[in-house]
């Protein structure tokens, strides 16, 4: 089962991605993680991506898509499928993805943008496993309850940057909802401030139908 996870910044994609990957035994593939791994290992395409990043430029779609294609060709993606998080971000990337991957379902988390500002500015992320928490649930804790890693606040989790990210999402990524709706593979869910396991229960109920 090959899945794409869609949703605005702060919609809870990271938390749901972890739960989905754990339940179905599939790799959670984040484009950010792939870039960092390729750059760290100094692969040919990683060095190419770094040349753009070092200049403060966006990595071209062709390079991004090739990095994703290489990752999906690895053995762990051939067993129980994979979960793509952070890719595709645009229609152009989605069209390119269609050339080398068959996507079974697109999990789309819709959420009222008014909820996102408080959620993102209060977010704390684990440096080790990437799990996200909100300060309102931590009771002063500074370490991850999942792996014990140190929690930190991302530099871009401030009102100005959050609004900018939401604007970019609306312009570039939201059109993917229509793209995958037309393909008949999108699963829509409503994100709320309920505990993450409530939303996950709804998502799992739909994905279980595909597994069967």
Protein backbone atom coordinates (compact mmCIF):
# COMPACT_ATOMS: atom_id res chain seq x y z
CA UNK A 1 0.00 0.00 0.00
CA UNK A 2 1.58 3.25 -1.17
CA UNK A 3 0.25 6.38 0.54
CA UNK A 4 0.67 10.14 0.24
CA UNK A 5 -0.06 12.33 3.26
CA UNK A 6 -1.41 15.82 2.54
CA UNK A 7 -2.30 18.69 4.84
CA UNK A 8 -1.36 22.25 5.70
CA UNK A 9 1.61 22.96 8.00
CA UNK A 10 0.51 22.09 11.53
CA UNK A 11 -2.38 19.86 10.44
CA UNK A 12 -0.84 16.97 12.36
CA UNK A 13 0.80 15.15 9.47
CA UNK A 14 3.94 14.26 11.42
CA UNK A 15 2.04 12.64 14.27
CA UNK A 16 -0.29 10.74 11.96
CA UNK A 17 2.60 9.67 9.72
CA UNK A 18 4.34 8.03 12.66
CA UNK A 19 1.17 6.18 13.68
CA UNK A 20 0.40 5.03 10.13
CA UNK A 21 3.96 3.83 9.52
CA UNK A 22 4.02 1.94 12.82
CA UNK A 23 0.65 0.25 12.29
CA UNK A 24 1.26 -0.89 8.73
CA UNK A 25 4.98 -1.59 9.01
CA UNK A 26 5.95 0.75 6.20
CA UNK A 27 8.75 3.33 5.93
CA UNK A 28 7.78 6.96 6.59
CA UNK A 29 9.52 8.84 3.80
CA UNK A 30 10.03 12.55 4.44
CA UNK A 31 11.63 14.52 1.63
CA UNK A 32 13.55 16.53 4.20
CA UNK A 33 15.07 13.35 5.61
CA UNK A 34 15.96 12.10 2.13
CA UNK A 35 17.72 15.34 1.26
CA UNK A 36 19.70 15.32 4.50
CA UNK A 37 20.71 11.66 4.03
CA UNK A 38 21.88 12.20 0.45
CA UNK A 39 23.82 15.32 1.40
CA UNK A 40 25.38 13.61 4.43
CA UNK A 41 26.39 10.57 2.35
CA UNK A 42 27.64 12.86 -0.41
CA UNK A 43 25.78 11.02 -3.14
CA UNK A 44 26.00 12.51 -6.61
CA UNK A 45 22.45 13.78 -6.55
CA UNK A 46 22.82 14.89 -2.92
CA UNK A 47 25.77 17.09 -3.84
CA UNK A 48 23.76 18.49 -6.73
CA UNK A 49 20.90 19.37 -4.39
CA UNK A 50 23.35 20.93 -1.93
CA UNK A 51 24.75 23.18 -4.67
CA UNK A 52 21.32 24.80 -4.99
CA UNK A 53 20.65 24.93 -1.25
CA UNK A 54 24.01 26.59 -0.57
CA UNK A 55 23.07 29.35 -3.00
CA UNK A 56 19.74 29.87 -1.26
CA UNK A 57 17.90 28.55 -4.30
CA UNK A 58 15.04 26.07 -4.51
CA UNK A 59 16.07 22.59 -5.56
CA UNK A 60 14.63 21.99 -9.06
CA UNK A 61 11.75 19.53 -9.38
CA UNK A 62 13.87 17.24 -11.56
CA UNK A 63 16.43 16.81 -8.77
CA UNK A 64 13.82 16.41 -6.03
CA UNK A 65 11.88 13.83 -8.04
CA UNK A 66 15.02 11.84 -8.79
CA UNK A 67 15.95 11.71 -5.12
CA UNK A 68 12.45 10.44 -4.29
CA UNK A 69 12.54 7.92 -7.14
CA UNK A 70 15.85 6.53 -5.87
CA UNK A 71 14.44 6.23 -2.34
CA UNK A 72 11.32 4.38 -3.49
CA UNK A 73 13.50 1.87 -5.31
CA UNK A 74 15.09 0.70 -2.03
CA UNK A 75 14.16 -2.71 -0.62
CA UNK A 76 12.14 -1.51 2.37
CA UNK A 77 9.64 0.20 0.03
CA UNK A 78 9.00 -3.04 -1.84
CA UNK A 79 7.70 -4.99 1.14
CA UNK A 80 4.60 -3.33 2.59
CA UNK A 81 4.67 -0.09 0.61
CA UNK A 82 5.53 3.37 1.90
CA UNK A 83 4.17 6.63 3.22
CA UNK A 84 5.23 9.82 1.42
CA UNK A 85 5.24 12.95 3.58
CA UNK A 86 6.19 16.31 2.06
CA UNK A 87 6.08 15.09 -1.53
CA UNK A 88 4.62 15.91 -3.93
CA UNK A 89 4.21 19.61 -3.14
CA UNK A 90 3.05 20.76 -6.57
CA UNK A 91 1.05 19.46 -9.52
CA UNK A 92 4.27 19.22 -11.56
CA UNK A 93 5.82 16.95 -8.92
CA UNK A 94 2.65 14.85 -8.76
CA UNK A 95 2.68 14.35 -12.52
CA UNK A 96 6.32 13.29 -12.37
CA UNK A 97 5.60 10.91 -9.47
CA UNK A 98 2.96 9.20 -11.61
CA UNK A 99 5.74 8.14 -13.99
CA UNK A 100 7.59 5.99 -11.44
CA UNK A 101 5.12 5.14 -8.66
CA UNK A 102 1.59 3.82 -8.21
CA UNK A 103 -0.19 5.56 -5.35
CA UNK A 104 -3.05 3.66 -3.71
CA UNK A 105 -4.41 6.36 -1.40
CA UNK A 106 -3.94 10.02 -0.50
CA UNK A 107 -4.74 10.86 3.11
CA UNK A 108 -5.73 14.53 3.23
CA UNK A 109 -6.13 16.27 6.60
CA UNK A 110 -8.32 19.37 6.31
CA UNK A 111 -8.14 21.85 9.16
CA UNK A 112 -9.37 25.36 9.89
CA UNK A 113 -6.41 27.70 9.48
CA UNK A 114 -7.51 29.60 12.61
CA UNK A 115 -6.51 26.57 14.67
CA UNK A 116 -3.09 26.28 13.09
CA UNK A 117 -1.46 29.46 14.38
CA UNK A 118 -1.79 28.44 18.03
CA UNK A 119 -0.90 24.85 17.22
CA UNK A 120 2.29 25.70 15.32
CA UNK A 121 3.57 28.44 17.59
CA UNK A 122 3.11 26.09 20.55
CA UNK A 123 4.69 23.11 18.83
CA UNK A 124 7.77 21.36 20.18
CA UNK A 125 9.60 18.74 18.13
CA UNK A 126 11.87 15.86 19.19
CA UNK A 127 15.41 16.24 17.87
CA UNK A 128 15.81 12.46 17.63
CA UNK A 129 12.62 10.90 16.25
CA UNK A 130 10.78 13.98 14.97
CA UNK A 131 7.63 13.40 17.03
CA UNK A 132 5.64 16.61 17.61
CA UNK A 133 4.02 17.81 20.84
CA UNK A 134 2.15 20.94 21.97
CA UNK A 135 3.27 22.87 25.03
CA UNK A 136 -0.25 22.59 26.47
CA UNK A 137 0.18 18.80 26.79
CA UNK A 138 3.77 18.65 28.02
CA UNK A 139 3.25 19.84 31.60
CA UNK A 140 6.71 21.36 31.53
CA UNK A 141 8.42 18.26 30.08
CA UNK A 142 11.43 18.94 27.87
CA UNK A 143 12.01 15.41 26.55
CA UNK A 144 10.11 13.18 24.12
CA UNK A 145 7.76 10.65 25.71
CA UNK A 146 8.34 8.34 22.73
CA UNK A 147 12.13 8.10 22.64
CA UNK A 148 13.49 10.40 25.34
CA UNK A 149 15.03 12.86 22.88
CA UNK A 150 15.34 16.59 23.55
CA UNK A 151 12.39 18.78 22.52
CA UNK A 152 12.92 22.10 20.75
CA UNK A 153 10.95 24.85 19.01
CA UNK A 154 11.55 25.19 15.28
CA UNK A 155 12.75 28.63 14.23
CA UNK A 156 9.97 28.90 11.67
CA UNK A 157 7.22 28.31 14.24
CA UNK A 158 6.42 32.01 14.68
CA UNK A 159 3.31 33.96 13.51
CA UNK A 160 4.90 35.70 10.52
CA UNK A 161 6.57 32.59 9.13
CA UNK A 162 3.54 30.41 9.81
CA UNK A 163 1.29 32.76 7.82
CA UNK A 164 3.79 32.75 4.96
CA UNK A 165 3.88 28.95 4.95
CA UNK A 166 0.08 28.76 4.89
CA UNK A 167 0.01 31.15 1.93
CA UNK A 168 2.50 28.97 0.04
CA UNK A 169 0.49 25.86 0.87
CA UNK A 170 -2.74 27.43 -0.42
CA UNK A 171 -1.09 28.52 -3.66
CA UNK A 172 1.09 25.50 -4.47
CA UNK A 173 0.01 22.41 -2.54
CA UNK A 174 -3.75 22.71 -2.02
CA UNK A 175 -4.41 22.15 -5.79
CA UNK A 176 -3.17 18.59 -5.23
CA UNK A 177 -6.46 17.89 -3.45
CA UNK A 178 -8.37 18.37 -6.72
CA UNK A 179 -5.69 16.45 -8.64
CA UNK A 180 -6.06 13.33 -6.51
CA UNK A 181 -9.82 13.73 -6.09
CA UNK A 182 -10.16 13.38 -9.86
CA UNK A 183 -8.10 10.19 -9.66
CA UNK A 184 -10.54 8.82 -7.09
CA UNK A 185 -7.91 7.95 -4.49
CA UNK A 186 -8.23 10.75 -1.94
CA UNK A 187 -9.43 10.15 1.62
CA UNK A 188 -10.52 13.34 3.37
CA UNK A 189 -10.41 13.84 7.14
CA UNK A 190 -11.04 16.80 9.41
CA UNK A 191 -8.24 17.78 11.77
CA UNK A 192 -9.29 19.09 15.17
CA UNK A 193 -7.79 19.67 18.58
CA UNK A 194 -9.00 16.26 19.72
CA UNK A 195 -6.28 13.80 20.82
CA UNK A 196 -4.31 12.51 17.78
CA UNK A 197 -5.51 8.95 18.34
CA UNK A 198 -9.09 10.03 17.52
CA UNK A 199 -8.11 11.14 14.01
CA UNK A 200 -5.82 8.15 13.61
CA UNK A 201 -8.72 5.81 14.37
CA UNK A 202 -10.68 7.35 11.51
CA UNK A 203 -7.72 7.14 9.12
CA UNK A 204 -6.89 3.55 10.05
CA UNK A 205 -10.51 2.47 9.54
CA UNK A 206 -10.34 3.64 5.92
CA UNK A 207 -6.84 2.31 5.22
CA UNK A 208 -7.79 -1.09 6.64
CA UNK A 209 -10.34 -1.41 3.84
CA UNK A 210 -7.52 -1.05 1.29
CA UNK A 211 -5.32 -3.61 3.04
CA UNK A 212 -8.13 -6.16 2.95
